[in-house]
Amino acid sequence: MRIGTGWDLHRLVSARTLILGGVVIPSDKGEAAHSDGDVLVHAIIDALLGSLAKGDIGSHFPDTDPAYKDADSMQ
């Protein structure tokens, strides 16, 4: 059996959409992030990658790659 743990956090800022688990949450603030900043999905992905010993989400989807700017984490 393999076990992975994952976590993610982003600062909340104005003029961004708050998304948790692919659901838009009504709020005047959202996550400051390169992608959509969905911390729930990112933590789940990190846990899955960790359990497979495949690095973390940043090694697969680097925030230095413009292709992932405002990326939808559910896709």
PDB file of N, CA and C in Angstrom:
ATOM      1  N   MET A   1       0.839  -1.165   0.000  1.00  0.00           N
ATOM      2  CA  MET A   1       0.000   0.000   0.000  1.00  0.00           C
ATOM      3  C   MET A   1       0.891   1.238   0.000  1.00  0.00           C
ATOM      4  N   ARG A   2       0.508   2.221  -0.797  1.00  0.00           N
ATOM      5  CA  ARG A   2       1.234   3.486  -0.844  1.00  0.00           C
ATOM      6  C   ARG A   2       0.328   4.588  -0.318  1.00  0.00           C
ATOM      7  N   ILE A   3       0.937   5.526   0.377  1.00  0.00           N
ATOM      8  CA  ILE A   3       0.192   6.642   0.956  1.00  0.00           C
ATOM      9  C   ILE A   3       0.872   7.942   0.554  1.00  0.00           C
ATOM     10  N   GLY A   4       0.087   8.926   0.198  1.00  0.00           N
ATOM     11  CA  GLY A   4       0.625  10.236  -0.137  1.00  0.00           C
ATOM     12  C   GLY A   4      -0.128  11.310   0.625  1.00  0.00           C
ATOM     13  N   THR A   5       0.566  12.373   0.948  1.00  0.00           N
ATOM     14  CA  THR A   5      -0.082  13.527   1.567  1.00  0.00           C
ATOM     15  C   THR A   5       0.136  14.727   0.663  1.00  0.00           C
ATOM     16  N   GLY A   6      -0.800  15.611   0.648  1.00  0.00           N
ATOM     17  CA  GLY A   6      -0.667  16.797  -0.186  1.00  0.00           C
ATOM     18  C   GLY A   6      -1.235  18.010   0.520  1.00  0.00           C
ATOM     19  N   TRP A   7      -0.682  19.152   0.211  1.00  0.00           N
ATOM     20  CA  TRP A   7      -1.192  20.409   0.745  1.00  0.00           C
ATOM     21  C   TRP A   7      -0.866  21.518  -0.237  1.00  0.00           C
ATOM     22  N   ASP A   8      -1.630  22.580  -0.166  1.00  0.00           N
ATOM     23  CA  ASP A   8      -1.400  23.733  -1.025  1.00  0.00           C
ATOM     24  C   ASP A   8      -1.998  24.950  -0.331  1.00  0.00           C
ATOM     25  N   LEU A   9      -1.432  26.091  -0.551  1.00  0.00           N
ATOM     26  CA  LEU A   9      -1.996  27.318  -0.013  1.00  0.00           C
ATOM     27  C   LEU A   9      -1.657  28.473  -0.927  1.00  0.00           C
ATOM     28  N   HIS A  10      -2.548  29.419  -0.959  1.00  0.00           N
ATOM     29  CA  HIS A  10      -2.357  30.642  -1.729  1.00  0.00           C
ATOM     30  C   HIS A  10      -2.941  31.799  -0.931  1.00  0.00           C
ATOM     31  N   ARG A  11      -2.330  32.926  -1.063  1.00  0.00           N
ATOM     32  CA  ARG A  11      -2.823  34.149  -0.431  1.00  0.00           C
ATOM     33  C   ARG A  11      -4.120  34.563  -1.129  1.00  0.00           C
ATOM     34  N   LEU A  12      -5.074  35.099  -0.388  1.00  0.00           N
ATOM     35  CA  LEU A  12      -6.311  35.605  -0.976  1.00  0.00           C
ATOM     36  C   LEU A  12      -6.131  37.073  -1.332  1.00  0.00           C
ATOM     37  N   VAL A  13      -6.547  37.429  -2.549  1.00  0.00           N
ATOM     38  CA  VAL A  13      -6.395  38.791  -3.045  1.00  0.00           C
ATOM     39  C   VAL A  13      -7.675  39.222  -3.765  1.00  0.00           C
ATOM     40  N   SER A  14      -7.834  40.512  -3.923  1.00  0.00           N
ATOM     41  CA  SER A  14      -8.964  41.050  -4.678  1.00  0.00           C
ATOM     42  C   SER A  14      -8.777  40.768  -6.163  1.00  0.00           C
ATOM     43  N   ALA A  15      -9.864  40.839  -6.896  1.00  0.00           N
ATOM     44  CA  ALA A  15      -9.871  40.707  -8.357  1.00  0.00           C
ATOM     45  C   ALA A  15      -9.470  39.316  -8.844  1.00  0.00           C
ATOM     46  N   ARG A  16      -9.676  38.300  -8.020  1.00  0.00           N
ATOM     47  CA  ARG A  16      -9.470  36.905  -8.432  1.00  0.00           C
ATOM     48  C   ARG A  16     -10.705  36.109  -8.037  1.00  0.00           C
ATOM     49  N   THR A  17     -10.954  35.031  -8.749  1.00  0.00           N
ATOM     50  CA  THR A  17     -12.088  34.160  -8.458  1.00  0.00           C
ATOM     51  C   THR A  17     -11.668  33.086  -7.469  1.00  0.00           C
ATOM     52  N   LEU A  18     -12.494  32.859  -6.458  1.00  0.00           N
ATOM     53  CA  LEU A  18     -12.227  31.818  -5.470  1.00  0.00           C
ATOM     54  C   LEU A  18     -12.806  30.503  -5.987  1.00  0.00           C
ATOM     55  N   ILE A  19     -11.935  29.512  -6.180  1.00  0.00           N
ATOM     56  CA  ILE A  19     -12.346  28.210  -6.702  1.00  0.00           C
ATOM     57  C   ILE A  19     -11.857  27.130  -5.750  1.00  0.00           C
ATOM     58  N   LEU A  20     -12.766  26.256  -5.330  1.00  0.00           N
ATOM     59  CA  LEU A  20     -12.424  25.124  -4.463  1.00  0.00           C
ATOM     60  C   LEU A  20     -13.048  23.860  -5.039  1.00  0.00           C
ATOM     61  N   GLY A  21     -12.226  22.908  -5.413  1.00  0.00           N
ATOM     62  CA  GLY A  21     -12.726  21.662  -5.977  1.00  0.00           C
ATOM     63  C   GLY A  21     -13.439  21.857  -7.297  1.00  0.00           C
ATOM     64  N   GLY A  22     -13.038  22.866  -8.048  1.00  0.00           N
ATOM     65  CA  GLY A  22     -13.656  23.153  -9.333  1.00  0.00           C
ATOM     66  C   GLY A  22     -14.938  23.960  -9.239  1.00  0.00           C
ATOM     67  N   VAL A  23     -15.333  24.328  -8.026  1.00  0.00           N
ATOM     68  CA  VAL A  23     -16.567  25.086  -7.804  1.00  0.00           C
ATOM     69  C   VAL A  23     -16.218  26.541  -7.508  1.00  0.00           C
ATOM     70  N   VAL A  24     -16.859  27.461  -8.223  1.00  0.00           N
ATOM     71  CA  VAL A  24     -16.662  28.883  -7.958  1.00  0.00           C
ATOM     72  C   VAL A  24     -17.435  29.240  -6.694  1.00  0.00           C
ATOM     73  N   ILE A  25     -16.721  29.803  -5.727  1.00  0.00           N
ATOM     74  CA  ILE A  25     -17.300  30.203  -4.445  1.00  0.00           C
ATOM     75  C   ILE A  25     -17.511  31.715  -4.468  1.00  0.00           C
ATOM     76  N   PRO A  26     -18.743  32.185  -4.248  1.00  0.00           N
ATOM     77  CA  PRO A  26     -18.972  33.631  -4.226  1.00  0.00           C
ATOM     78  C   PRO A  26     -18.118  34.298  -3.138  1.00  0.00           C
ATOM     79  N   SER A  27     -17.269  35.205  -3.547  1.00  0.00           N
ATOM     80  CA  SER A  27     -16.369  35.886  -2.618  1.00  0.00           C
ATOM     81  C   SER A  27     -15.807  37.124  -3.295  1.00  0.00           C
ATOM     82  N   ASP A  28     -15.418  38.098  -2.499  1.00  0.00           N
ATOM     83  CA  ASP A  28     -14.783  39.285  -3.067  1.00  0.00           C
ATOM     84  C   ASP A  28     -13.285  39.086  -3.241  1.00  0.00           C
ATOM     85  N   LYS A  29     -12.778  37.911  -2.858  1.00  0.00           N
ATOM     86  CA  LYS A  29     -11.355  37.600  -3.005  1.00  0.00           C
ATOM     87  C   LYS A  29     -11.180  36.199  -3.563  1.00  0.00           C
ATOM     88  N   GLY A  30     -10.022  35.975  -4.158  1.00  0.00           N
ATOM     89  CA  GLY A  30      -9.682  34.659  -4.675  1.00  0.00           C
ATOM     90  C   GLY A  30      -8.203  34.397  -4.477  1.00  0.00           C
ATOM     91  N   GLU A  31      -7.754  33.230  -4.891  1.00  0.00           N
ATOM     92  CA  GLU A  31      -6.370  32.819  -4.676  1.00  0.00           C
ATOM     93  C   GLU A  31      -5.406  33.535  -5.627  1.00  0.00           C
ATOM     94  N   ALA A  32      -4.314  34.047  -5.082  1.00  0.00           N
ATOM     95  CA  ALA A  32      -3.232  34.598  -5.897  1.00  0.00           C
ATOM     96  C   ALA A  32      -2.400  33.416  -6.364  1.00  0.00           C
ATOM     97  N   ALA A  33      -2.451  33.133  -7.667  1.00  0.00           N
ATOM     98  CA  ALA A  33      -1.755  31.952  -8.179  1.00  0.00           C
ATOM     99  C   ALA A  33      -1.491  32.096  -9.666  1.00  0.00           C
ATOM    100  N   HIS A  34      -0.550  31.308 -10.162  1.00  0.00           N
ATOM    101  CA  HIS A  34      -0.247  31.283 -11.593  1.00  0.00           C
ATOM    102  C   HIS A  34      -1.393  30.614 -12.349  1.00  0.00           C
ATOM    103  N   SER A  35      -1.917  29.518 -11.786  1.00  0.00           N
ATOM    104  CA  SER A  35      -3.060  28.826 -12.392  1.00  0.00           C
ATOM    105  C   SER A  35      -4.338  29.376 -11.764  1.00  0.00           C
ATOM    106  N   ASP A  36      -5.394  28.562 -11.721  1.00  0.00           N
ATOM    107  CA  ASP A  36      -6.627  29.019 -11.080  1.00  0.00           C
ATOM    108  C   ASP A  36      -6.526  29.030  -9.558  1.00  0.00           C
ATOM    109  N   GLY A  37      -5.482  28.417  -8.990  1.00  0.00           N
ATOM    110  CA  GLY A  37      -5.247  28.450  -7.549  1.00  0.00           C
ATOM    111  C   GLY A  37      -6.146  27.548  -6.733  1.00  0.00           C
ATOM    112  N   ASP A  38      -6.761  26.556  -7.362  1.00  0.00           N
ATOM    113  CA  ASP A  38      -7.683  25.655  -6.664  1.00  0.00           C
ATOM    114  C   ASP A  38      -6.900  24.787  -5.680  1.00  0.00           C
ATOM    115  N   VAL A  39      -6.848  25.217  -4.414  1.00  0.00           N
ATOM    116  CA  VAL A  39      -6.020  24.535  -3.414  1.00  0.00           C
ATOM    117  C   VAL A  39      -6.494  23.118  -3.115  1.00  0.00           C
ATOM    118  N   LEU A  40      -7.788  22.861  -3.213  1.00  0.00           N
ATOM    119  CA  LEU A  40      -8.296  21.510  -2.960  1.00  0.00           C
ATOM    120  C   LEU A  40      -7.802  20.538  -4.027  1.00  0.00           C
ATOM    121  N   VAL A  41      -7.970  20.900  -5.287  1.00  0.00           N
ATOM    122  CA  VAL A  41      -7.508  20.033  -6.379  1.00  0.00           C
ATOM    123  C   VAL A  41      -5.991  19.888  -6.343  1.00  0.00           C
ATOM    124  N   HIS A  42      -5.278  20.979  -6.087  1.00  0.00           N
ATOM    125  CA  HIS A  42      -3.812  20.915  -6.043  1.00  0.00           C
ATOM    126  C   HIS A  42      -3.332  19.984  -4.933  1.00  0.00           C
ATOM    127  N   ALA A  43      -3.965  20.028  -3.766  1.00  0.00           N
ATOM    128  CA  ALA A  43      -3.572  19.152  -2.658  1.00  0.00           C
ATOM    129  C   ALA A  43      -3.846  17.686  -2.993  1.00  0.00           C
ATOM    130  N   ILE A  44      -4.969  17.418  -3.642  1.00  0.00           N
ATOM    131  CA  ILE A  44      -5.279  16.039  -4.048  1.00  0.00           C
ATOM    132  C   ILE A  44      -4.263  15.539  -5.066  1.00  0.00           C
ATOM    133  N   ILE A  45      -3.936  16.375  -6.049  1.00  0.00           N
ATOM    134  CA  ILE A  45      -2.934  15.991  -7.055  1.00  0.00           C
ATOM    135  C   ILE A  45      -1.590  15.730  -6.389  1.00  0.00           C
ATOM    136  N   ASP A  46      -1.179  16.595  -5.460  1.00  0.00           N
ATOM    137  CA  ASP A  46       0.092  16.384  -4.760  1.00  0.00           C
ATOM    138  C   ASP A  46       0.085  15.083  -3.962  1.00  0.00           C
ATOM    139  N   ALA A  47      -1.038  14.751  -3.339  1.00  0.00           N
ATOM    140  CA  ALA A  47      -1.129  13.496  -2.586  1.00  0.00           C
ATOM    141  C   ALA A  47      -1.007  12.297  -3.521  1.00  0.00           C
ATOM    142  N   LEU A  48      -1.693  12.347  -4.654  1.00  0.00           N
ATOM    143  CA  LEU A  48      -1.607  11.244  -5.620  1.00  0.00           C
ATOM    144  C   LEU A  48      -0.196  11.098  -6.181  1.00  0.00           C
ATOM    145  N   LEU A  49       0.409  12.222  -6.576  1.00  0.00           N
ATOM    146  CA  LEU A  49       1.776  12.169  -7.105  1.00  0.00           C
ATOM    147  C   LEU A  49       2.748  11.663  -6.047  1.00  0.00           C
ATOM    148  N   GLY A  50       2.576  12.106  -4.804  1.00  0.00           N
ATOM    149  CA  GLY A  50       3.444  11.656  -3.718  1.00  0.00           C
ATOM    150  C   GLY A  50       3.334  10.165  -3.486  1.00  0.00           C
ATOM    151  N   SER A  51       2.118   9.632  -3.554  1.00  0.00           N
ATOM    152  CA  SER A  51       1.936   8.193  -3.332  1.00  0.00           C
ATOM    153  C   SER A  51       2.583   7.369  -4.438  1.00  0.00           C
ATOM    154  N   LEU A  52       2.759   7.976  -5.602  1.00  0.00           N
ATOM    155  CA  LEU A  52       3.403   7.300  -6.732  1.00  0.00           C
ATOM    156  C   LEU A  52       4.890   7.628  -6.846  1.00  0.00           C
ATOM    157  N   ALA A  53       5.401   8.440  -5.916  1.00  0.00           N
ATOM    158  CA  ALA A  53       6.793   8.901  -5.947  1.00  0.00           C
ATOM    159  C   ALA A  53       7.108   9.585  -7.274  1.00  0.00           C
ATOM    160  N   LYS A  54       6.191  10.475  -7.708  1.00  0.00           N
ATOM    161  CA  LYS A  54       6.332  11.173  -8.986  1.00  0.00           C
ATOM    162  C   LYS A  54       6.510  12.680  -8.819  1.00  0.00           C
ATOM    163  N   GLY A  55       7.075  13.106  -7.708  1.00  0.00           N
ATOM    164  CA  GLY A  55       7.302  14.532  -7.504  1.00  0.00           C
ATOM    165  C   GLY A  55       6.053  15.238  -7.006  1.00  0.00           C
ATOM    166  N   ASP A  56       5.951  16.528  -7.327  1.00  0.00           N
ATOM    167  CA  ASP A  56       4.783  17.294  -6.910  1.00  0.00           C
ATOM    168  C   ASP A  56       4.193  18.023  -8.108  1.00  0.00           C
ATOM    169  N   ILE A  57       3.104  18.718  -7.879  1.00  0.00           N
ATOM    170  CA  ILE A  57       2.402  19.380  -8.975  1.00  0.00           C
ATOM    171  C   ILE A  57       3.291  20.408  -9.681  1.00  0.00           C
ATOM    172  N   GLY A  58       4.157  21.068  -8.921  1.00  0.00           N
ATOM    173  CA  GLY A  58       5.048  22.065  -9.510  1.00  0.00           C
ATOM    174  C   GLY A  58       6.073  21.489 -10.469  1.00  0.00           C
ATOM    175  N   SER A  59       6.452  20.235 -10.275  1.00  0.00           N
ATOM    176  CA  SER A  59       7.417  19.621 -11.193  1.00  0.00           C
ATOM    177  C   SER A  59       6.752  19.198 -12.501  1.00  0.00           C
ATOM    178  N   HIS A  60       5.450  18.997 -12.482  1.00  0.00           N
ATOM    179  CA  HIS A  60       4.718  18.613 -13.691  1.00  0.00           C
ATOM    180  C   HIS A  60       4.081  19.810 -14.394  1.00  0.00           C
ATOM    181  N   PHE A  61       3.708  20.823 -13.627  1.00  0.00           N
ATOM    182  CA  PHE A  61       3.061  22.025 -14.158  1.00  0.00           C
ATOM    183  C   PHE A  61       3.735  23.259 -13.561  1.00  0.00           C
ATOM    184  N   PRO A  62       4.958  23.568 -13.981  1.00  0.00           N
ATOM    185  CA  PRO A  62       5.715  24.662 -13.352  1.00  0.00           C
ATOM    186  C   PRO A  62       5.062  26.033 -13.555  1.00  0.00           C
ATOM    187  N   ASP A  63       5.140  26.862 -12.515  1.00  0.00           N
ATOM    188  CA  ASP A  63       4.570  28.206 -12.613  1.00  0.00           C
ATOM    189  C   ASP A  63       5.430  29.144 -13.455  1.00  0.00           C
ATOM    190  N   THR A  64       6.529  28.639 -13.971  1.00  0.00           N
ATOM    191  CA  THR A  64       7.369  29.419 -14.879  1.00  0.00           C
ATOM    192  C   THR A  64       6.979  29.191 -16.336  1.00  0.00           C
ATOM    193  N   ASP A  65       6.063  28.264 -16.585  1.00  0.00           N
ATOM    194  CA  ASP A  65       5.626  27.944 -17.945  1.00  0.00           C
ATOM    195  C   ASP A  65       4.357  28.730 -18.262  1.00  0.00           C
ATOM    196  N   PRO A  66       4.424  29.633 -19.248  1.00  0.00           N
ATOM    197  CA  PRO A  66       3.249  30.443 -19.577  1.00  0.00           C
ATOM    198  C   PRO A  66       2.051  29.613 -20.044  1.00  0.00           C
ATOM    199  N   ALA A  67       2.267  28.384 -20.452  1.00  0.00           N
ATOM    200  CA  ALA A  67       1.163  27.522 -20.893  1.00  0.00           C
ATOM    201  C   ALA A  67       0.180  27.241 -19.760  1.00  0.00           C
ATOM    202  N   TYR A  68       0.638  27.354 -18.513  1.00  0.00           N
ATOM    203  CA  TYR A  68      -0.220  27.048 -17.369  1.00  0.00           C
ATOM    204  C   TYR A  68      -0.783  28.292 -16.695  1.00  0.00           C
ATOM    205  N   LYS A  69      -0.564  29.460 -17.288  1.00  0.00           N
ATOM    206  CA  LYS A  69      -1.104  30.705 -16.738  1.00  0.00           C
ATOM    207  C   LYS A  69      -2.627  30.625 -16.739  1.00  0.00           C
ATOM    208  N   ASP A  70      -3.230  30.799 -15.570  1.00  0.00           N
ATOM    209  CA  ASP A  70      -4.684  30.739 -15.378  1.00  0.00           C
ATOM    210  C   ASP A  70      -5.283  29.399 -15.796  1.00  0.00           C
ATOM    211  N   ALA A  71      -4.477  28.338 -15.751  1.00  0.00           N
ATOM    212  CA  ALA A  71      -4.948  27.004 -16.143  1.00  0.00           C
ATOM    213  C   ALA A  71      -6.079  26.531 -15.236  1.00  0.00           C
ATOM    214  N   ASP A  72      -7.019  25.796 -15.818  1.00  0.00           N
ATOM    215  CA  ASP A  72      -8.127  25.191 -15.078  1.00  0.00           C
ATOM    216  C   ASP A  72      -7.624  23.887 -14.474  1.00  0.00           C
ATOM    217  N   SER A  73      -7.551  23.814 -13.167  1.00  0.00           N
ATOM    218  CA  SER A  73      -6.997  22.641 -12.482  1.00  0.00           C
ATOM    219  C   SER A  73      -7.835  21.384 -12.664  1.00  0.00           C
ATOM    220  N   MET A  74      -9.082  21.519 -13.056  1.00  0.00           N
ATOM    221  CA  MET A  74      -9.947  20.362 -13.249  1.00  0.00           C
ATOM    222  C   MET A  74      -9.744  19.715 -14.621  1.00  0.00           C
ATOM    223  N   GLN A  75      -8.968  20.325 -15.492  1.00  0.00           N
ATOM    224  CA  GLN A  75      -8.750  19.750 -16.829  1.00  0.00           C
ATOM    225  C   GLN A  75      -7.421  19.059 -16.914  1.00  0.00           C
TER     226      GLN A  75
END
